[in-house]
Each structure stands twice: as structure tokens, then as C-alpha cells.
């Protein structure tokens, strides 16, 4: 079932997600609905906060991003990222490389707003799958950027928090309008 995507201004976007202790029917259904929602919106990632639930759950799928390649190791083995998509990750923890890169990002909670954001070039991630199995991912390229963006969401951090001051000034009126439209009444 496609879910409504929460937009900037809704307090849940600033909420740190609760850890998922047990995978139950609700978590499974939420993950399935989040994948459907992300695909319908042509996104590459979606965090639970973006559908109104403050949980440590994110879905990612970079398989169709031909123009922005990724590399991936899954539990230590090199894999084609496309063959491992979509990812459903619970309680993810990231370790970032020191080297960074500037790249364009957008966010489904900020329609039609993009900005250049500095992110680590590569990441190591530990998480659980829907089956409760531990998983370790090493990634670079778009997958590394998407993992950082989504884990930020799970911790109440938005991509606007990572924008340069000049970019925030340039987007100020659009951000204020979006925030006002979606603030609780």
C-alpha cells in the first residue's frame, strides 16, 4: 500500500527513530509499504520518519541509477549492487571514510529541492535484515551517499542540515514556505 510521504515541517522528520527489537507483522508490512511508496515516488531511499513512523527502518534501491554508479561488499564479498537491491535495513550504524565528495542530493520530503552536499566517499554499515540476520555492507558511490542520507533521517537529521550556509540562504524562502505548509496546526 502506497503511503503518504511526510514533508518538511512535520515534527516526525526531526525524531530519532526507536530501535526495532523484534520484527513483527507491523514492521514487515511497513517495510513492504515503504518500498512501494519509494518506487511510486521514483526515489532511491526512504526512512520510516518520512512515512510518519519514528523507527530505525529504511529502504534503499539504487538499481536504476545508471548515471551514478555504486560499489558494494555484502558481508565481505564483492557484489553487484543491482543484484542486492532493494535493501531493507533495521537499526543501521554507519562508519564513514575520512575522504569526502560534493554531490547533488534531493529528498522526497523536500519536493523539487536539490543541493550539493558533502558526504563521505565510502561507508561501512552494520544493520539487521527483516529476517533478523546481521548484515555488513561496504559501499561507495551513490549507494554510500544514499546510506548516509537515510541514516541521517533515522536520527532526525535532514539534508538541509548538511547544506552550506550560502545554499540555505538561496533556498530560504522555498524552505520557509514548505515548512509553513506542513507545520502541525
N, C-alpha and C. Protein backbone atom coordinates (compact mmCIF):
# COMPACT_ATOMS: atom_id res chain seq x y z
N UNK A 1 0.85 -1.17 0.00
CA UNK A 1 0.00 0.00 0.00
C UNK A 1 0.89 1.24 0.00
N UNK A 2 0.62 2.15 -0.92
CA UNK A 2 1.38 3.38 -1.00
C UNK A 2 0.99 4.28 0.17
N UNK A 3 2.00 4.82 0.83
CA UNK A 3 1.78 5.68 2.00
C UNK A 3 2.04 7.14 1.64
N UNK A 4 1.40 8.07 2.37
CA UNK A 4 1.72 9.48 2.13
C UNK A 4 3.12 9.80 2.66
N UNK A 5 3.85 10.60 1.91
CA UNK A 5 5.20 10.99 2.32
C UNK A 5 5.12 12.29 3.12
N UNK A 6 5.70 12.24 4.31
CA UNK A 6 5.72 13.39 5.21
C UNK A 6 6.68 14.44 4.62
N UNK A 7 6.25 15.70 4.68
CA UNK A 7 7.08 16.77 4.13
C UNK A 7 7.67 17.63 5.23
N UNK A 8 8.71 18.37 4.85
CA UNK A 8 9.39 19.26 5.76
C UNK A 8 8.39 20.16 6.48
N UNK A 9 8.54 20.24 7.78
CA UNK A 9 7.60 20.99 8.62
C UNK A 9 6.91 20.07 9.60
N UNK A 10 6.81 18.79 9.25
CA UNK A 10 6.22 17.79 10.16
C UNK A 10 7.25 17.40 11.21
N UNK A 11 6.90 17.48 12.50
CA UNK A 11 7.86 17.19 13.57
C UNK A 11 8.49 15.79 13.52
N UNK A 12 7.80 14.79 12.98
CA UNK A 12 8.34 13.42 12.95
C UNK A 12 9.66 13.35 12.17
N UNK A 13 9.87 14.27 11.24
CA UNK A 13 11.12 14.26 10.47
C UNK A 13 12.33 14.57 11.35
N UNK A 14 12.10 15.21 12.49
CA UNK A 14 13.19 15.56 13.41
C UNK A 14 13.32 14.55 14.55
N UNK A 15 12.50 13.50 14.52
CA UNK A 15 12.51 12.50 15.60
C UNK A 15 13.57 11.43 15.34
N UNK A 16 14.32 11.10 16.39
CA UNK A 16 15.26 9.98 16.30
C UNK A 16 14.43 8.70 16.38
N UNK A 17 14.65 7.79 15.46
CA UNK A 17 13.87 6.55 15.42
C UNK A 17 14.18 5.61 16.57
N UNK A 18 13.15 4.93 17.03
CA UNK A 18 13.33 3.91 18.08
C UNK A 18 13.92 2.65 17.44
N UNK A 19 14.79 1.99 18.17
CA UNK A 19 15.35 0.72 17.70
C UNK A 19 14.24 -0.31 17.53
N UNK A 20 14.40 -1.15 16.55
CA UNK A 20 13.44 -2.24 16.32
C UNK A 20 14.00 -3.47 17.02
N UNK A 21 13.32 -3.91 18.07
CA UNK A 21 13.78 -5.03 18.88
C UNK A 21 13.33 -6.35 18.28
N UNK A 22 12.10 -6.38 17.77
CA UNK A 22 11.55 -7.60 17.17
C UNK A 22 10.85 -7.25 15.87
N UNK A 23 11.07 -8.09 14.87
CA UNK A 23 10.39 -7.89 13.59
C UNK A 23 9.04 -8.59 13.67
N UNK A 24 7.99 -7.79 13.68
CA UNK A 24 6.63 -8.33 13.75
C UNK A 24 5.90 -8.01 12.44
N UNK A 25 4.63 -8.35 12.40
CA UNK A 25 3.82 -8.13 11.19
C UNK A 25 3.78 -6.65 10.82
N UNK A 26 3.71 -5.78 11.81
CA UNK A 26 3.67 -4.34 11.54
C UNK A 26 4.94 -3.88 10.83
N UNK A 27 6.10 -4.31 11.32
CA UNK A 27 7.38 -3.90 10.73
C UNK A 27 7.49 -4.45 9.31
N UNK A 28 7.10 -5.69 9.10
CA UNK A 28 7.15 -6.28 7.75
C UNK A 28 6.25 -5.53 6.78
N UNK A 29 5.03 -5.24 7.22
CA UNK A 29 4.08 -4.52 6.37
C UNK A 29 4.59 -3.10 6.09
N UNK A 30 5.14 -2.45 7.12
CA UNK A 30 5.67 -1.10 6.94
C UNK A 30 6.80 -1.11 5.91
N UNK A 31 7.71 -2.06 6.00
CA UNK A 31 8.83 -2.15 5.04
C UNK A 31 8.31 -2.35 3.62
N UNK A 32 7.35 -3.25 3.48
CA UNK A 32 6.76 -3.50 2.15
C UNK A 32 6.09 -2.24 1.60
N UNK A 33 5.33 -1.55 2.45
CA UNK A 33 4.65 -0.32 2.02
C UNK A 33 5.64 0.79 1.71
N UNK A 34 6.74 0.84 2.47
CA UNK A 34 7.76 1.86 2.21
C UNK A 34 8.43 1.62 0.86
N UNK A 35 8.69 0.36 0.50
CA UNK A 35 9.27 0.05 -0.81
C UNK A 35 8.33 0.49 -1.92
N UNK A 36 7.05 0.18 -1.77
CA UNK A 36 6.06 0.58 -2.77
C UNK A 36 5.99 2.10 -2.88
N UNK A 37 6.00 2.77 -1.76
CA UNK A 37 5.92 4.24 -1.72
C UNK A 37 7.15 4.86 -2.39
N UNK A 38 8.34 4.36 -2.04
CA UNK A 38 9.59 4.86 -2.62
C UNK A 38 9.60 4.67 -4.13
N UNK A 39 9.21 3.49 -4.59
CA UNK A 39 9.20 3.23 -6.03
C UNK A 39 8.19 4.11 -6.76
N UNK A 40 7.02 4.29 -6.18
CA UNK A 40 5.99 5.13 -6.81
C UNK A 40 6.44 6.59 -6.92
N UNK A 41 7.29 7.01 -5.97
CA UNK A 41 7.78 8.39 -5.97
C UNK A 41 9.10 8.54 -6.73
N UNK A 42 9.57 7.45 -7.37
CA UNK A 42 10.84 7.45 -8.09
C UNK A 42 12.01 7.85 -7.21
N UNK A 43 11.97 7.40 -5.94
CA UNK A 43 13.05 7.67 -5.02
C UNK A 43 14.04 6.53 -4.98
N UNK A 44 15.19 6.78 -4.33
CA UNK A 44 16.19 5.73 -4.16
C UNK A 44 16.34 5.34 -2.69
N UNK A 45 15.65 6.06 -1.82
CA UNK A 45 15.69 5.74 -0.39
C UNK A 45 14.50 6.36 0.32
N UNK A 46 14.12 5.73 1.42
CA UNK A 46 13.01 6.24 2.22
C UNK A 46 13.19 5.74 3.65
N UNK A 47 13.09 6.65 4.60
CA UNK A 47 13.21 6.32 6.01
C UNK A 47 11.81 6.29 6.62
N UNK A 48 11.66 5.52 7.69
CA UNK A 48 10.36 5.38 8.35
C UNK A 48 9.79 6.74 8.76
N UNK A 49 10.65 7.67 9.18
CA UNK A 49 10.17 9.00 9.55
C UNK A 49 9.43 9.68 8.40
N UNK A 50 9.83 9.38 7.19
CA UNK A 50 9.22 10.01 6.02
C UNK A 50 7.81 9.51 5.73
N UNK A 51 7.41 8.45 6.41
CA UNK A 51 6.02 7.97 6.30
C UNK A 51 5.34 8.05 7.67
N UNK A 52 5.93 8.87 8.55
CA UNK A 52 5.28 9.19 9.81
C UNK A 52 5.58 8.29 10.99
N UNK A 53 6.58 7.39 10.88
CA UNK A 53 6.91 6.48 11.98
C UNK A 53 8.36 6.66 12.40
N UNK A 54 8.58 7.01 13.65
CA UNK A 54 9.94 7.22 14.16
C UNK A 54 10.56 5.90 14.59
N UNK A 55 10.99 5.13 13.59
CA UNK A 55 11.63 3.83 13.81
C UNK A 55 12.95 3.77 13.06
N UNK A 56 13.84 2.89 13.50
CA UNK A 56 15.12 2.69 12.83
C UNK A 56 14.93 1.69 11.67
N UNK A 57 14.26 2.15 10.63
CA UNK A 57 13.96 1.33 9.46
C UNK A 57 14.09 2.18 8.21
N UNK A 58 14.87 1.70 7.25
CA UNK A 58 14.99 2.41 5.97
C UNK A 58 15.01 1.40 4.83
N UNK A 59 14.59 1.86 3.66
CA UNK A 59 14.65 1.06 2.44
C UNK A 59 15.45 1.86 1.41
N UNK A 60 16.23 1.14 0.62
CA UNK A 60 17.08 1.79 -0.39
C UNK A 60 17.10 0.91 -1.63
N UNK A 61 17.10 1.59 -2.80
CA UNK A 61 17.21 0.87 -4.07
C UNK A 61 17.88 1.78 -5.10
N UNK A 62 19.15 1.51 -5.39
CA UNK A 62 19.89 2.30 -6.37
C UNK A 62 20.06 1.55 -7.70
N UNK A 63 19.32 0.49 -7.88
CA UNK A 63 19.48 -0.37 -9.06
C UNK A 63 19.26 0.38 -10.38
N UNK A 64 18.37 1.35 -10.40
CA UNK A 64 18.06 2.03 -11.66
C UNK A 64 18.84 3.32 -11.86
N UNK A 65 19.79 3.60 -11.00
CA UNK A 65 20.57 4.84 -11.10
C UNK A 65 21.81 4.58 -11.96
N UNK A 66 21.60 4.40 -13.24
CA UNK A 66 22.68 4.06 -14.18
C UNK A 66 23.75 5.15 -14.26
N UNK A 67 23.34 6.41 -14.09
CA UNK A 67 24.26 7.53 -14.27
C UNK A 67 25.13 7.80 -13.03
N UNK A 68 24.84 7.16 -11.91
CA UNK A 68 25.61 7.36 -10.68
C UNK A 68 25.94 5.99 -10.10
N UNK A 69 27.04 5.39 -10.54
CA UNK A 69 27.37 4.02 -10.14
C UNK A 69 27.72 3.87 -8.66
N UNK A 70 27.65 2.65 -8.19
CA UNK A 70 27.97 2.30 -6.81
C UNK A 70 28.84 1.05 -6.80
N UNK A 71 29.57 0.88 -5.70
CA UNK A 71 30.24 -0.40 -5.45
C UNK A 71 29.69 -0.91 -4.12
N UNK A 72 29.75 -2.24 -3.94
CA UNK A 72 29.16 -2.81 -2.74
C UNK A 72 29.85 -4.11 -2.37
N UNK A 73 30.15 -4.24 -1.07
CA UNK A 73 30.53 -5.52 -0.50
C UNK A 73 29.43 -5.88 0.49
N UNK A 74 28.96 -7.11 0.41
CA UNK A 74 27.92 -7.61 1.29
C UNK A 74 28.52 -8.72 2.13
N UNK A 75 28.60 -8.49 3.43
CA UNK A 75 29.23 -9.45 4.35
C UNK A 75 30.62 -9.87 3.86
N UNK A 76 31.37 -8.88 3.36
CA UNK A 76 32.75 -9.10 2.95
C UNK A 76 32.96 -9.51 1.51
N UNK A 77 31.91 -9.88 0.80
CA UNK A 77 32.04 -10.34 -0.59
C UNK A 77 31.60 -9.23 -1.56
N UNK A 78 32.43 -9.01 -2.60
CA UNK A 78 32.06 -8.04 -3.65
C UNK A 78 30.80 -8.54 -4.35
N UNK A 79 29.83 -7.64 -4.49
CA UNK A 79 28.60 -7.99 -5.21
C UNK A 79 28.23 -6.84 -6.14
N UNK A 80 27.43 -7.16 -7.14
CA UNK A 80 26.86 -6.13 -7.99
C UNK A 80 25.73 -5.49 -7.19
N UNK A 81 25.81 -4.18 -6.91
CA UNK A 81 24.76 -3.55 -6.11
C UNK A 81 23.35 -3.81 -6.65
N UNK A 82 23.21 -3.85 -7.99
CA UNK A 82 21.89 -4.05 -8.58
C UNK A 82 21.26 -5.38 -8.14
N UNK A 83 22.09 -6.41 -8.01
CA UNK A 83 21.57 -7.73 -7.64
C UNK A 83 21.17 -7.80 -6.17
N UNK A 84 21.59 -6.82 -5.38
CA UNK A 84 21.30 -6.83 -3.94
C UNK A 84 20.18 -5.87 -3.55
N UNK A 85 19.58 -5.24 -4.54
CA UNK A 85 18.51 -4.27 -4.27
C UNK A 85 17.16 -4.94 -4.34
N UNK A 86 16.17 -4.44 -3.64
CA UNK A 86 16.25 -3.34 -2.68
C UNK A 86 16.80 -3.81 -1.33
N UNK A 87 17.34 -2.85 -0.58
CA UNK A 87 17.80 -3.11 0.78
C UNK A 87 16.72 -2.69 1.77
N UNK A 88 16.48 -3.52 2.76
CA UNK A 88 15.62 -3.17 3.89
C UNK A 88 16.52 -3.30 5.11
N UNK A 89 16.79 -2.19 5.77
CA UNK A 89 17.77 -2.15 6.86
C UNK A 89 17.13 -1.70 8.17
N UNK A 90 17.38 -2.47 9.22
CA UNK A 90 16.88 -2.14 10.55
C UNK A 90 18.06 -1.79 11.45
N UNK A 91 17.89 -0.76 12.25
CA UNK A 91 18.90 -0.35 13.24
C UNK A 91 20.29 -0.17 12.65
N UNK A 92 20.42 0.55 11.52
CA UNK A 92 21.73 0.68 10.88
C UNK A 92 22.68 1.58 11.67
N UNK A 93 23.95 1.22 11.61
CA UNK A 93 25.03 2.02 12.20
C UNK A 93 26.09 2.20 11.13
N UNK A 94 26.52 3.45 10.94
CA UNK A 94 27.47 3.79 9.88
C UNK A 94 28.84 4.14 10.42
N UNK A 95 29.86 3.77 9.66
CA UNK A 95 31.22 4.26 9.85
C UNK A 95 31.60 4.92 8.53
N UNK A 96 32.04 6.18 8.61
CA UNK A 96 32.32 6.96 7.41
C UNK A 96 33.80 7.02 7.11
N UNK A 97 34.15 7.04 5.82
CA UNK A 97 35.54 7.27 5.43
C UNK A 97 35.86 8.74 5.70
N UNK A 98 37.13 9.05 5.79
CA UNK A 98 37.51 10.44 6.03
C UNK A 98 37.41 11.28 4.77
N UNK A 99 37.63 10.65 3.62
CA UNK A 99 37.59 11.38 2.35
C UNK A 99 36.15 11.70 1.98
N UNK A 100 35.92 12.95 1.55
CA UNK A 100 34.56 13.37 1.22
C UNK A 100 34.47 13.84 -0.23
N UNK A 101 33.23 13.98 -0.68
CA UNK A 101 32.94 14.36 -2.05
C UNK A 101 31.66 15.19 -2.04
N UNK A 102 31.59 16.16 -2.94
CA UNK A 102 30.41 17.00 -3.07
C UNK A 102 29.52 16.42 -4.15
N UNK A 103 28.24 16.23 -3.85
CA UNK A 103 27.32 15.66 -4.82
C UNK A 103 25.90 16.17 -4.63
N UNK A 104 25.13 16.11 -5.70
CA UNK A 104 23.75 16.59 -5.68
C UNK A 104 22.86 15.59 -4.95
N UNK A 105 22.03 16.11 -4.05
CA UNK A 105 21.04 15.30 -3.35
C UNK A 105 19.69 15.98 -3.41
N UNK A 106 18.67 15.14 -3.39
CA UNK A 106 17.30 15.59 -3.23
C UNK A 106 16.70 14.76 -2.13
N UNK A 107 15.45 15.02 -1.81
CA UNK A 107 14.78 14.29 -0.73
C UNK A 107 13.29 14.29 -1.01
N UNK A 108 12.66 13.14 -0.86
CA UNK A 108 11.22 13.04 -1.12
C UNK A 108 10.40 13.91 -0.16
N UNK A 109 10.97 14.28 0.98
CA UNK A 109 10.27 15.15 1.93
C UNK A 109 10.47 16.63 1.61
N UNK A 110 11.27 16.92 0.58
CA UNK A 110 11.54 18.29 0.12
C UNK A 110 11.33 18.32 -1.39
N UNK A 111 10.08 18.25 -1.86
CA UNK A 111 9.83 18.17 -3.30
C UNK A 111 10.49 19.31 -4.07
N UNK A 112 11.13 18.95 -5.16
CA UNK A 112 11.72 19.89 -6.11
C UNK A 112 12.84 20.74 -5.52
N UNK A 113 13.46 20.28 -4.44
CA UNK A 113 14.61 20.99 -3.87
C UNK A 113 15.81 20.03 -3.91
N UNK A 114 16.89 20.51 -4.50
CA UNK A 114 18.14 19.74 -4.53
C UNK A 114 19.27 20.67 -4.10
N UNK A 115 20.36 20.08 -3.66
CA UNK A 115 21.52 20.86 -3.27
C UNK A 115 22.76 19.99 -3.29
N UNK A 116 23.91 20.64 -3.41
CA UNK A 116 25.18 19.94 -3.30
C UNK A 116 25.48 19.72 -1.83
N UNK A 117 25.77 18.48 -1.47
CA UNK A 117 26.02 18.10 -0.08
C UNK A 117 27.35 17.35 -0.02
N UNK A 118 28.18 17.69 0.98
CA UNK A 118 29.41 16.94 1.22
C UNK A 118 29.08 15.66 1.97
N UNK A 119 29.56 14.54 1.49
CA UNK A 119 29.37 13.24 2.14
C UNK A 119 30.67 12.44 2.05
N UNK A 120 30.81 11.48 2.95
CA UNK A 120 31.94 10.56 2.87
C UNK A 120 31.86 9.78 1.56
N UNK A 121 33.01 9.52 0.96
CA UNK A 121 33.05 8.80 -0.32
C UNK A 121 32.65 7.33 -0.14
N UNK A 122 33.04 6.76 1.00
CA UNK A 122 32.68 5.36 1.24
C UNK A 122 32.23 5.19 2.69
N UNK A 123 31.46 4.13 2.92
CA UNK A 123 30.91 3.85 4.25
C UNK A 123 30.97 2.36 4.53
N UNK A 124 30.95 2.05 5.81
CA UNK A 124 30.74 0.68 6.27
C UNK A 124 29.48 0.74 7.13
N UNK A 125 28.57 -0.20 6.93
CA UNK A 125 27.30 -0.19 7.64
C UNK A 125 27.06 -1.55 8.26
N UNK A 126 26.54 -1.53 9.47
CA UNK A 126 26.08 -2.75 10.15
C UNK A 126 24.61 -2.54 10.44
N UNK A 127 23.81 -3.56 10.16
CA UNK A 127 22.36 -3.46 10.38
C UNK A 127 21.79 -4.87 10.51
N UNK A 128 20.47 -4.94 10.62
CA UNK A 128 19.78 -6.22 10.59
C UNK A 128 18.84 -6.23 9.39
N UNK A 129 18.56 -7.43 8.92
CA UNK A 129 17.59 -7.61 7.85
C UNK A 129 16.22 -7.85 8.47
N UNK A 130 15.20 -7.90 7.63
CA UNK A 130 13.85 -8.23 8.11
C UNK A 130 13.80 -9.62 8.72
N UNK A 131 14.74 -10.48 8.35
CA UNK A 131 14.79 -11.83 8.90
C UNK A 131 15.52 -11.84 10.24
N UNK A 132 15.99 -10.67 10.69
CA UNK A 132 16.70 -10.58 11.96
C UNK A 132 18.17 -10.94 11.87
N UNK A 133 18.65 -11.15 10.65
CA UNK A 133 20.05 -11.52 10.44
C UNK A 133 20.93 -10.27 10.42
N UNK A 134 22.13 -10.34 11.00
CA UNK A 134 23.04 -9.21 10.89
C UNK A 134 23.57 -9.12 9.47
N UNK A 135 23.81 -7.90 9.01
CA UNK A 135 24.34 -7.68 7.67
C UNK A 135 25.39 -6.57 7.76
N UNK A 136 26.48 -6.75 6.98
CA UNK A 136 27.52 -5.74 6.89
C UNK A 136 27.67 -5.34 5.44
N UNK A 137 27.65 -4.04 5.21
CA UNK A 137 27.75 -3.51 3.85
C UNK A 137 28.88 -2.49 3.81
N UNK A 138 29.72 -2.61 2.79
CA UNK A 138 30.69 -1.57 2.48
C UNK A 138 30.26 -1.01 1.13
N UNK A 139 30.20 0.32 1.03
CA UNK A 139 29.68 0.91 -0.20
C UNK A 139 30.42 2.19 -0.55
N UNK A 140 30.41 2.48 -1.85
CA UNK A 140 30.90 3.76 -2.35
C UNK A 140 29.93 4.22 -3.43
N UNK A 141 30.15 5.42 -3.92
CA UNK A 141 29.30 5.95 -4.97
C UNK A 141 27.93 6.33 -4.43
N UNK A 142 26.93 6.23 -5.29
CA UNK A 142 25.59 6.65 -4.92
C UNK A 142 25.04 5.87 -3.73
N UNK A 143 25.36 4.59 -3.63
CA UNK A 143 24.86 3.79 -2.51
C UNK A 143 25.40 4.34 -1.19
N UNK A 144 26.67 4.71 -1.14
CA UNK A 144 27.24 5.29 0.09
C UNK A 144 26.52 6.58 0.45
N UNK A 145 26.25 7.41 -0.54
CA UNK A 145 25.55 8.68 -0.32
C UNK A 145 24.13 8.41 0.18
N UNK A 146 23.43 7.47 -0.44
CA UNK A 146 22.05 7.15 -0.04
C UNK A 146 22.01 6.60 1.39
N UNK A 147 22.96 5.74 1.72
CA UNK A 147 23.00 5.19 3.08
C UNK A 147 23.19 6.31 4.11
N UNK A 148 24.08 7.25 3.83
CA UNK A 148 24.30 8.37 4.75
C UNK A 148 23.05 9.23 4.88
N UNK A 149 22.40 9.52 3.77
CA UNK A 149 21.19 10.35 3.76
C UNK A 149 20.09 9.69 4.60
N UNK A 150 19.87 8.40 4.38
CA UNK A 150 18.79 7.70 5.09
C UNK A 150 19.10 7.50 6.57
N UNK A 151 20.33 7.16 6.91
CA UNK A 151 20.69 7.01 8.32
C UNK A 151 20.56 8.36 9.03
N UNK A 152 20.91 9.45 8.34
CA UNK A 152 20.65 10.77 8.91
C UNK A 152 19.17 10.92 9.26
N UNK A 153 18.28 10.58 8.32
CA UNK A 153 16.83 10.66 8.58
C UNK A 153 16.46 9.90 9.85
N UNK A 154 17.02 8.70 10.02
CA UNK A 154 16.68 7.87 11.17
C UNK A 154 17.10 8.51 12.49
N UNK A 155 18.01 9.47 12.39
CA UNK A 155 18.50 10.18 13.57
C UNK A 155 17.97 11.61 13.66
N UNK A 156 16.96 11.92 12.84
CA UNK A 156 16.35 13.24 12.89
C UNK A 156 17.15 14.34 12.21
N UNK A 157 18.12 13.95 11.38
CA UNK A 157 18.96 14.91 10.67
C UNK A 157 18.48 14.97 9.22
N UNK A 158 18.28 16.19 8.72
CA UNK A 158 17.79 16.38 7.35
C UNK A 158 18.90 16.89 6.45
N UNK A 159 18.76 16.68 5.15
CA UNK A 159 19.84 17.08 4.25
C UNK A 159 20.05 18.58 4.25
N UNK A 160 19.04 19.35 4.63
CA UNK A 160 19.24 20.80 4.73
C UNK A 160 20.22 21.14 5.86
N UNK A 161 20.33 20.25 6.85
CA UNK A 161 21.29 20.47 7.94
C UNK A 161 22.73 20.33 7.45
N UNK A 162 22.92 19.71 6.30
CA UNK A 162 24.25 19.47 5.74
C UNK A 162 24.58 20.46 4.61
N UNK A 163 23.64 21.34 4.27
CA UNK A 163 23.86 22.32 3.20
C UNK A 163 24.81 23.41 3.65
N UNK A 164 25.48 24.02 2.69
CA UNK A 164 26.32 25.18 3.00
C UNK A 164 25.42 26.34 3.39
N UNK A 165 25.98 27.29 4.11
CA UNK A 165 25.21 28.47 4.52
C UNK A 165 24.68 29.22 3.30
N UNK A 166 25.49 29.33 2.26
CA UNK A 166 25.07 30.05 1.05
C UNK A 166 23.88 29.35 0.38
N UNK A 167 23.90 28.02 0.35
CA UNK A 167 22.79 27.27 -0.25
C UNK A 167 21.52 27.47 0.57
N UNK A 168 21.64 27.41 1.90
CA UNK A 168 20.47 27.63 2.76
C UNK A 168 19.88 29.01 2.55
N UNK A 169 20.73 30.02 2.41
CA UNK A 169 20.24 31.38 2.15
C UNK A 169 19.50 31.42 0.82
N UNK A 170 20.07 30.79 -0.20
CA UNK A 170 19.45 30.78 -1.53
C UNK A 170 18.10 30.07 -1.52
N UNK A 171 17.95 29.06 -0.66
CA UNK A 171 16.70 28.29 -0.60
C UNK A 171 15.75 28.74 0.51
N UNK A 172 16.12 29.75 1.27
CA UNK A 172 15.38 30.15 2.47
C UNK A 172 13.88 30.31 2.23
N UNK A 173 13.49 31.06 1.21
CA UNK A 173 12.05 31.31 1.02
C UNK A 173 11.30 30.03 0.65
N UNK A 174 11.91 29.17 -0.17
CA UNK A 174 11.25 27.90 -0.53
C UNK A 174 11.12 27.00 0.69
N UNK A 175 12.18 26.95 1.53
CA UNK A 175 12.14 26.12 2.72
C UNK A 175 11.11 26.63 3.73
N UNK A 176 11.05 27.95 3.91
CA UNK A 176 10.08 28.52 4.85
C UNK A 176 8.65 28.23 4.40
N UNK A 177 8.41 28.36 3.09
CA UNK A 177 7.08 28.09 2.54
C UNK A 177 6.70 26.63 2.78
N UNK A 178 7.61 25.71 2.48
CA UNK A 178 7.36 24.28 2.66
C UNK A 178 7.10 23.97 4.13
N UNK A 179 7.92 24.54 5.01
CA UNK A 179 7.78 24.32 6.44
C UNK A 179 6.42 24.83 6.95
N UNK A 180 6.04 25.99 6.47
CA UNK A 180 4.76 26.59 6.90
C UNK A 180 3.57 25.74 6.42
N UNK A 181 3.63 25.28 5.16
CA UNK A 181 2.55 24.46 4.59
C UNK A 181 2.34 23.15 5.35
N UNK A 182 3.42 22.62 5.94
CA UNK A 182 3.34 21.29 6.55
C UNK A 182 3.45 21.28 8.07
N UNK A 183 3.51 22.45 8.66
CA UNK A 183 3.58 22.52 10.12
C UNK A 183 2.25 22.07 10.72
N UNK A 184 2.30 21.40 11.85
CA UNK A 184 1.05 20.97 12.50
C UNK A 184 0.21 22.19 12.88
N UNK A 185 -1.09 22.03 12.76
CA UNK A 185 -1.99 23.17 13.06
C UNK A 185 -2.66 22.98 14.40
